[in-house]
Amino acid sequence: MDGSDLPNTSAPSAIIAGGGDRPLETTGNGGAERADTGPHPDRCEALSAAIAGVLGGALEEHEVHATATSRSQAELAAAIDRLNGELDKLLESAPSPIIHLVYSCKNRIELELRI
Protein backbone atom coordinates (compact mmCIF):
# COMPACT_ATOMS: atom_id res chain seq x y z
CA MET A 1 0.00 0.00 0.00
CA ASP A 2 1.54 3.22 -1.10
CA GLY A 3 -1.28 5.57 -0.01
CA SER A 4 -2.75 5.94 -3.48
CA ASP A 5 -5.44 3.30 -2.81
CA LEU A 6 -6.89 4.97 0.33
CA PRO A 7 -10.56 5.97 0.12
CA ASN A 8 -11.47 9.53 -0.68
CA THR A 9 -12.91 11.11 2.49
CA SER A 10 -14.72 13.85 0.62
CA ALA A 11 -17.05 11.44 -1.17
CA PRO A 12 -20.65 11.23 0.11
CA SER A 13 -20.22 7.60 1.15
CA ALA A 14 -17.25 8.53 3.37
CA ILE A 15 -19.26 11.27 5.08
CA ILE A 16 -22.20 8.91 5.69
CA ALA A 17 -19.83 6.20 6.94
CA GLY A 18 -18.49 8.50 9.65
CA GLY A 19 -16.14 10.96 8.00
CA GLY A 20 -17.95 13.93 9.59
CA ASP A 21 -17.75 15.20 13.12
CA ARG A 22 -21.41 14.70 14.18
CA PRO A 23 -23.34 11.40 14.54
CA LEU A 24 -25.88 10.52 11.88
CA GLU A 25 -29.59 11.00 12.39
CA THR A 26 -32.17 9.35 10.13
CA THR A 27 -34.62 11.76 8.55
CA GLY A 28 -38.26 11.10 7.76
CA ASN A 29 -37.58 10.58 4.06
CA GLY A 30 -35.06 7.78 4.64
CA GLY A 31 -31.95 9.95 4.25
CA ALA A 32 -29.28 10.53 6.82
CA GLU A 33 -28.01 13.84 8.14
CA ARG A 34 -25.84 14.92 11.04
CA ALA A 35 -27.58 15.11 14.44
CA ASP A 36 -27.25 18.14 16.65
CA THR A 37 -25.33 16.90 19.69
CA GLY A 38 -25.30 20.18 21.58
CA PRO A 39 -27.03 20.53 24.93
CA HIS A 40 -30.80 20.92 24.89
CA PRO A 41 -31.91 22.21 28.31
CA ASP A 42 -35.57 22.28 27.28
CA ARG A 43 -35.46 18.60 26.23
CA CYS A 44 -33.60 17.63 29.40
CA GLU A 45 -36.12 19.48 31.56
CA ALA A 46 -39.04 17.88 29.74
CA LEU A 47 -37.49 14.43 30.10
CA SER A 48 -36.73 14.95 33.79
CA ALA A 49 -40.26 16.24 34.40
CA ALA A 50 -41.72 13.18 32.66
CA ILE A 51 -39.53 10.80 34.67
CA ALA A 52 -40.38 12.62 37.90
CA GLY A 53 -44.07 12.42 37.04
CA VAL A 54 -43.95 8.68 36.45
CA LEU A 55 -41.71 7.88 39.41
CA GLY A 56 -43.41 10.40 41.67
CA GLY A 57 -46.76 8.65 41.33
CA ALA A 58 -45.19 5.26 41.90
CA LEU A 59 -43.32 6.50 44.97
CA GLU A 60 -46.44 8.08 46.45
CA GLU A 61 -48.35 4.84 45.89
CA HIS A 62 -45.52 2.87 47.52
CA GLU A 63 -45.54 5.21 50.53
CA VAL A 64 -49.29 4.75 50.95
CA HIS A 65 -48.93 0.96 50.85
CA ALA A 66 -45.95 1.01 53.22
CA THR A 67 -47.86 3.17 55.72
CA ALA A 68 -50.91 0.91 55.52
CA THR A 69 -48.72 -2.17 56.03
CA SER A 70 -47.01 -0.62 59.02
CA ARG A 71 -50.37 0.34 60.55
CA SER A 72 -51.73 -3.17 59.94
CA GLN A 73 -48.70 -4.79 61.55
CA ALA A 74 -49.02 -2.53 64.60
CA GLU A 75 -52.71 -3.45 64.94
CA LEU A 76 -51.88 -7.13 64.59
CA ALA A 77 -49.14 -6.93 67.23
CA ALA A 78 -51.54 -5.19 69.62
CA ALA A 79 -54.22 -7.83 69.02
CA ILE A 80 -51.72 -10.65 69.61
CA ASP A 81 -50.55 -9.04 72.85
CA ARG A 82 -54.15 -8.60 74.01
CA LEU A 83 -54.99 -12.23 73.21
CA ASN A 84 -51.85 -13.46 74.98
CA GLY A 85 -52.91 -11.51 78.07
CA GLU A 86 -56.39 -13.02 77.96
CA LEU A 87 -54.92 -16.50 77.51
CA ASP A 88 -52.65 -16.03 80.51
CA LYS A 89 -55.64 -14.96 82.63
CA LEU A 90 -57.59 -18.03 81.52
CA LEU A 91 -54.67 -20.32 82.22
CA GLU A 92 -54.29 -18.98 85.76
CA SER A 93 -57.81 -20.16 86.62
CA ALA A 94 -57.71 -23.45 84.68
CA PRO A 95 -57.01 -26.88 86.24
CA SER A 96 -53.49 -28.31 85.93
CA PRO A 97 -53.97 -30.88 83.04
CA ILE A 98 -55.64 -28.26 80.88
CA ILE A 99 -52.80 -25.82 81.53
CA HIS A 100 -50.28 -28.37 80.30
CA LEU A 101 -52.33 -29.00 77.13
CA VAL A 102 -52.81 -25.29 76.40
CA TYR A 103 -49.13 -24.47 76.95
CA SER A 104 -48.19 -27.32 74.62
CA CYS A 105 -50.54 -25.96 71.96
CA LYS A 106 -49.29 -22.41 72.52
CA ASN A 107 -45.65 -23.52 72.14
CA ARG A 108 -46.50 -25.42 68.96
CA ILE A 109 -48.26 -22.40 67.49
CA GLU A 110 -45.33 -20.15 68.35
CA LEU A 111 -42.97 -22.56 66.61
CA GLU A 112 -45.16 -22.67 63.52
CA LEU A 113 -45.27 -18.87 63.41
CA ARG A 114 -41.48 -18.70 63.54
CA ILE A 115 -41.22 -21.11 60.61
C-alpha atoms as a PDB file:
ATOM      1  CA  MET A   1       0.000   0.000   0.000  1.00  0.00           C
ATOM      2  CA  ASP A   2       1.540   3.220  -1.097  1.00  0.00           C
ATOM      3  CA  GLY A   3      -1.280   5.568  -0.008  1.00  0.00           C
ATOM      4  CA  SER A   4      -2.754   5.938  -3.477  1.00  0.00           C
ATOM      5  CA  ASP A   5      -5.438   3.302  -2.815  1.00  0.00           C
ATOM      6  CA  LEU A   6      -6.891   4.968   0.333  1.00  0.00           C
ATOM      7  CA  PRO A   7     -10.562   5.971   0.116  1.00  0.00           C
ATOM      8  CA  ASN A   8     -11.468   9.534  -0.680  1.00  0.00           C
ATOM      9  CA  THR A   9     -12.913  11.109   2.488  1.00  0.00           C
ATOM     10  CA  SER A  10     -14.721  13.849   0.623  1.00  0.00           C
ATOM     11  CA  ALA A  11     -17.046  11.443  -1.174  1.00  0.00           C
ATOM     12  CA  PRO A  12     -20.651  11.233   0.114  1.00  0.00           C
ATOM     13  CA  SER A  13     -20.225   7.599   1.155  1.00  0.00           C
ATOM     14  CA  ALA A  14     -17.251   8.528   3.367  1.00  0.00           C
ATOM     15  CA  ILE A  15     -19.259  11.266   5.077  1.00  0.00           C
ATOM     16  CA  ILE A  16     -22.199   8.907   5.694  1.00  0.00           C
ATOM     17  CA  ALA A  17     -19.835   6.203   6.943  1.00  0.00           C
ATOM     18  CA  GLY A  18     -18.494   8.497   9.646  1.00  0.00           C
ATOM     19  CA  GLY A  19     -16.145  10.959   8.000  1.00  0.00           C
ATOM     20  CA  GLY A  20     -17.949  13.934   9.589  1.00  0.00           C
ATOM     21  CA  ASP A  21     -17.755  15.200  13.122  1.00  0.00           C
ATOM     22  CA  ARG A  22     -21.411  14.695  14.177  1.00  0.00           C
ATOM     23  CA  PRO A  23     -23.343  11.404  14.545  1.00  0.00           C
ATOM     24  CA  LEU A  24     -25.879  10.516  11.880  1.00  0.00           C
ATOM     25  CA  GLU A  25     -29.594  10.996  12.392  1.00  0.00           C
ATOM     26  CA  THR A  26     -32.166   9.352  10.129  1.00  0.00           C
ATOM     27  CA  THR A  27     -34.622  11.763   8.555  1.00  0.00           C
ATOM     28  CA  GLY A  28     -38.261  11.100   7.760  1.00  0.00           C
ATOM     29  CA  ASN A  29     -37.581  10.584   4.058  1.00  0.00           C
ATOM     30  CA  GLY A  30     -35.058   7.785   4.637  1.00  0.00           C
ATOM     31  CA  GLY A  31     -31.954   9.952   4.248  1.00  0.00           C
ATOM     32  CA  ALA A  32     -29.281  10.532   6.822  1.00  0.00           C
ATOM     33  CA  GLU A  33     -28.009  13.838   8.138  1.00  0.00           C
ATOM     34  CA  ARG A  34     -25.844  14.916  11.036  1.00  0.00           C
ATOM     35  CA  ALA A  35     -27.579  15.113  14.436  1.00  0.00           C
ATOM     36  CA  ASP A  36     -27.245  18.140  16.651  1.00  0.00           C
ATOM     37  CA  THR A  37     -25.325  16.899  19.692  1.00  0.00           C
ATOM     38  CA  GLY A  38     -25.299  20.181  21.577  1.00  0.00           C
ATOM     39  CA  PRO A  39     -27.033  20.525  24.934  1.00  0.00           C
ATOM     40  CA  HIS A  40     -30.803  20.921  24.892  1.00  0.00           C
ATOM     41  CA  PRO A  41     -31.914  22.207  28.308  1.00  0.00           C
ATOM     42  CA  ASP A  42     -35.567  22.277  27.284  1.00  0.00           C
ATOM     43  CA  ARG A  43     -35.457  18.601  26.227  1.00  0.00           C
ATOM     44  CA  CYS A  44     -33.604  17.633  29.404  1.00  0.00           C
ATOM     45  CA  GLU A  45     -36.120  19.483  31.561  1.00  0.00           C
ATOM     46  CA  ALA A  46     -39.038  17.879  29.735  1.00  0.00           C
ATOM     47  CA  LEU A  47     -37.495  14.430  30.102  1.00  0.00           C
ATOM     48  CA  SER A  48     -36.733  14.947  33.792  1.00  0.00           C
ATOM     49  CA  ALA A  49     -40.257  16.237  34.398  1.00  0.00           C
ATOM     50  CA  ALA A  50     -41.724  13.176  32.660  1.00  0.00           C
ATOM     51  CA  ILE A  51     -39.531  10.798  34.674  1.00  0.00           C
ATOM     52  CA  ALA A  52     -40.377  12.617  37.902  1.00  0.00           C
ATOM     53  CA  GLY A  53     -44.070  12.415  37.043  1.00  0.00           C
ATOM     54  CA  VAL A  54     -43.947   8.683  36.451  1.00  0.00           C
ATOM     55  CA  LEU A  55     -41.712   7.879  39.409  1.00  0.00           C
ATOM     56  CA  GLY A  56     -43.414  10.404  41.675  1.00  0.00           C
ATOM     57  CA  GLY A  57     -46.758   8.652  41.332  1.00  0.00           C
ATOM     58  CA  ALA A  58     -45.189   5.262  41.898  1.00  0.00           C
ATOM     59  CA  LEU A  59     -43.315   6.495  44.975  1.00  0.00           C
ATOM     60  CA  GLU A  60     -46.445   8.079  46.451  1.00  0.00           C
ATOM     61  CA  GLU A  61     -48.353   4.836  45.894  1.00  0.00           C
ATOM     62  CA  HIS A  62     -45.523   2.870  47.520  1.00  0.00           C
ATOM     63  CA  GLU A  63     -45.537   5.211  50.533  1.00  0.00           C
ATOM     64  CA  VAL A  64     -49.294   4.752  50.955  1.00  0.00           C
ATOM     65  CA  HIS A  65     -48.931   0.959  50.851  1.00  0.00           C
ATOM     66  CA  ALA A  66     -45.949   1.012  53.225  1.00  0.00           C
ATOM     67  CA  THR A  67     -47.858   3.174  55.717  1.00  0.00           C
ATOM     68  CA  ALA A  68     -50.910   0.908  55.524  1.00  0.00           C
ATOM     69  CA  THR A  69     -48.723  -2.169  56.027  1.00  0.00           C
ATOM     70  CA  SER A  70     -47.007  -0.618  59.022  1.00  0.00           C
ATOM     71  CA  ARG A  71     -50.365   0.340  60.548  1.00  0.00           C
ATOM     72  CA  SER A  72     -51.730  -3.168  59.939  1.00  0.00           C
ATOM     73  CA  GLN A  73     -48.697  -4.785  61.549  1.00  0.00           C
ATOM     74  CA  ALA A  74     -49.020  -2.534  64.599  1.00  0.00           C
ATOM     75  CA  GLU A  75     -52.712  -3.450  64.939  1.00  0.00           C
ATOM     76  CA  LEU A  76     -51.878  -7.132  64.586  1.00  0.00           C
ATOM     77  CA  ALA A  77     -49.142  -6.933  67.228  1.00  0.00           C
ATOM     78  CA  ALA A  78     -51.544  -5.188  69.623  1.00  0.00           C
ATOM     79  CA  ALA A  79     -54.217  -7.827  69.018  1.00  0.00           C
ATOM     80  CA  ILE A  80     -51.718 -10.650  69.606  1.00  0.00           C
ATOM     81  CA  ASP A  81     -50.545  -9.037  72.852  1.00  0.00           C
ATOM     82  CA  ARG A  82     -54.153  -8.599  74.008  1.00  0.00           C
ATOM     83  CA  LEU A  83     -54.989 -12.226  73.209  1.00  0.00           C
ATOM     84  CA  ASN A  84     -51.846 -13.457  74.980  1.00  0.00           C
ATOM     85  CA  GLY A  85     -52.906 -11.508  78.069  1.00  0.00           C
ATOM     86  CA  GLU A  86     -56.390 -13.024  77.963  1.00  0.00           C
ATOM     87  CA  LEU A  87     -54.920 -16.502  77.506  1.00  0.00           C
ATOM     88  CA  ASP A  88     -52.649 -16.026  80.510  1.00  0.00           C
ATOM     89  CA  LYS A  89     -55.645 -14.960  82.634  1.00  0.00           C
ATOM     90  CA  LEU A  90     -57.594 -18.029  81.521  1.00  0.00           C
ATOM     91  CA  LEU A  91     -54.665 -20.322  82.225  1.00  0.00           C
ATOM     92  CA  GLU A  92     -54.293 -18.979  85.761  1.00  0.00           C
ATOM     93  CA  SER A  93     -57.808 -20.156  86.624  1.00  0.00           C
ATOM     94  CA  ALA A  94     -57.707 -23.451  84.676  1.00  0.00           C
ATOM     95  CA  PRO A  95     -57.007 -26.877  86.245  1.00  0.00           C
ATOM     96  CA  SER A  96     -53.485 -28.309  85.927  1.00  0.00           C
ATOM     97  CA  PRO A  97     -53.972 -30.878  83.036  1.00  0.00           C
ATOM     98  CA  ILE A  98     -55.636 -28.264  80.879  1.00  0.00           C
ATOM     99  CA  ILE A  99     -52.799 -25.820  81.534  1.00  0.00           C
ATOM    100  CA  HIS A 100     -50.279 -28.372  80.302  1.00  0.00           C
ATOM    101  CA  LEU A 101     -52.325 -28.995  77.135  1.00  0.00           C
ATOM    102  CA  VAL A 102     -52.810 -25.288  76.404  1.00  0.00           C
ATOM    103  CA  TYR A 103     -49.131 -24.467  76.946  1.00  0.00           C
ATOM    104  CA  SER A 104     -48.186 -27.323  74.619  1.00  0.00           C
ATOM    105  CA  CYS A 105     -50.536 -25.956  71.963  1.00  0.00           C
ATOM    106  CA  LYS A 106     -49.288 -22.411  72.523  1.00  0.00           C
ATOM    107  CA  ASN A 107     -45.652 -23.517  72.142  1.00  0.00           C
ATOM    108  CA  ARG A 108     -46.498 -25.419  68.962  1.00  0.00           C
ATOM    109  CA  ILE A 109     -48.260 -22.402  67.486  1.00  0.00           C
ATOM    110  CA  GLU A 110     -45.332 -20.150  68.348  1.00  0.00           C
ATOM    111  CA  LEU A 111     -42.972 -22.564  66.612  1.00  0.00           C
ATOM    112  CA  GLU A 112     -45.163 -22.672  63.518  1.00  0.00           C
ATOM    113  CA  LEU A 113     -45.272 -18.868  63.408  1.00  0.00           C
ATOM    114  CA  ARG A 114     -41.478 -18.702  63.538  1.00  0.00           C
ATOM    115  CA  ILE A 115     -41.216 -21.107  60.607  1.00  0.00           C
END
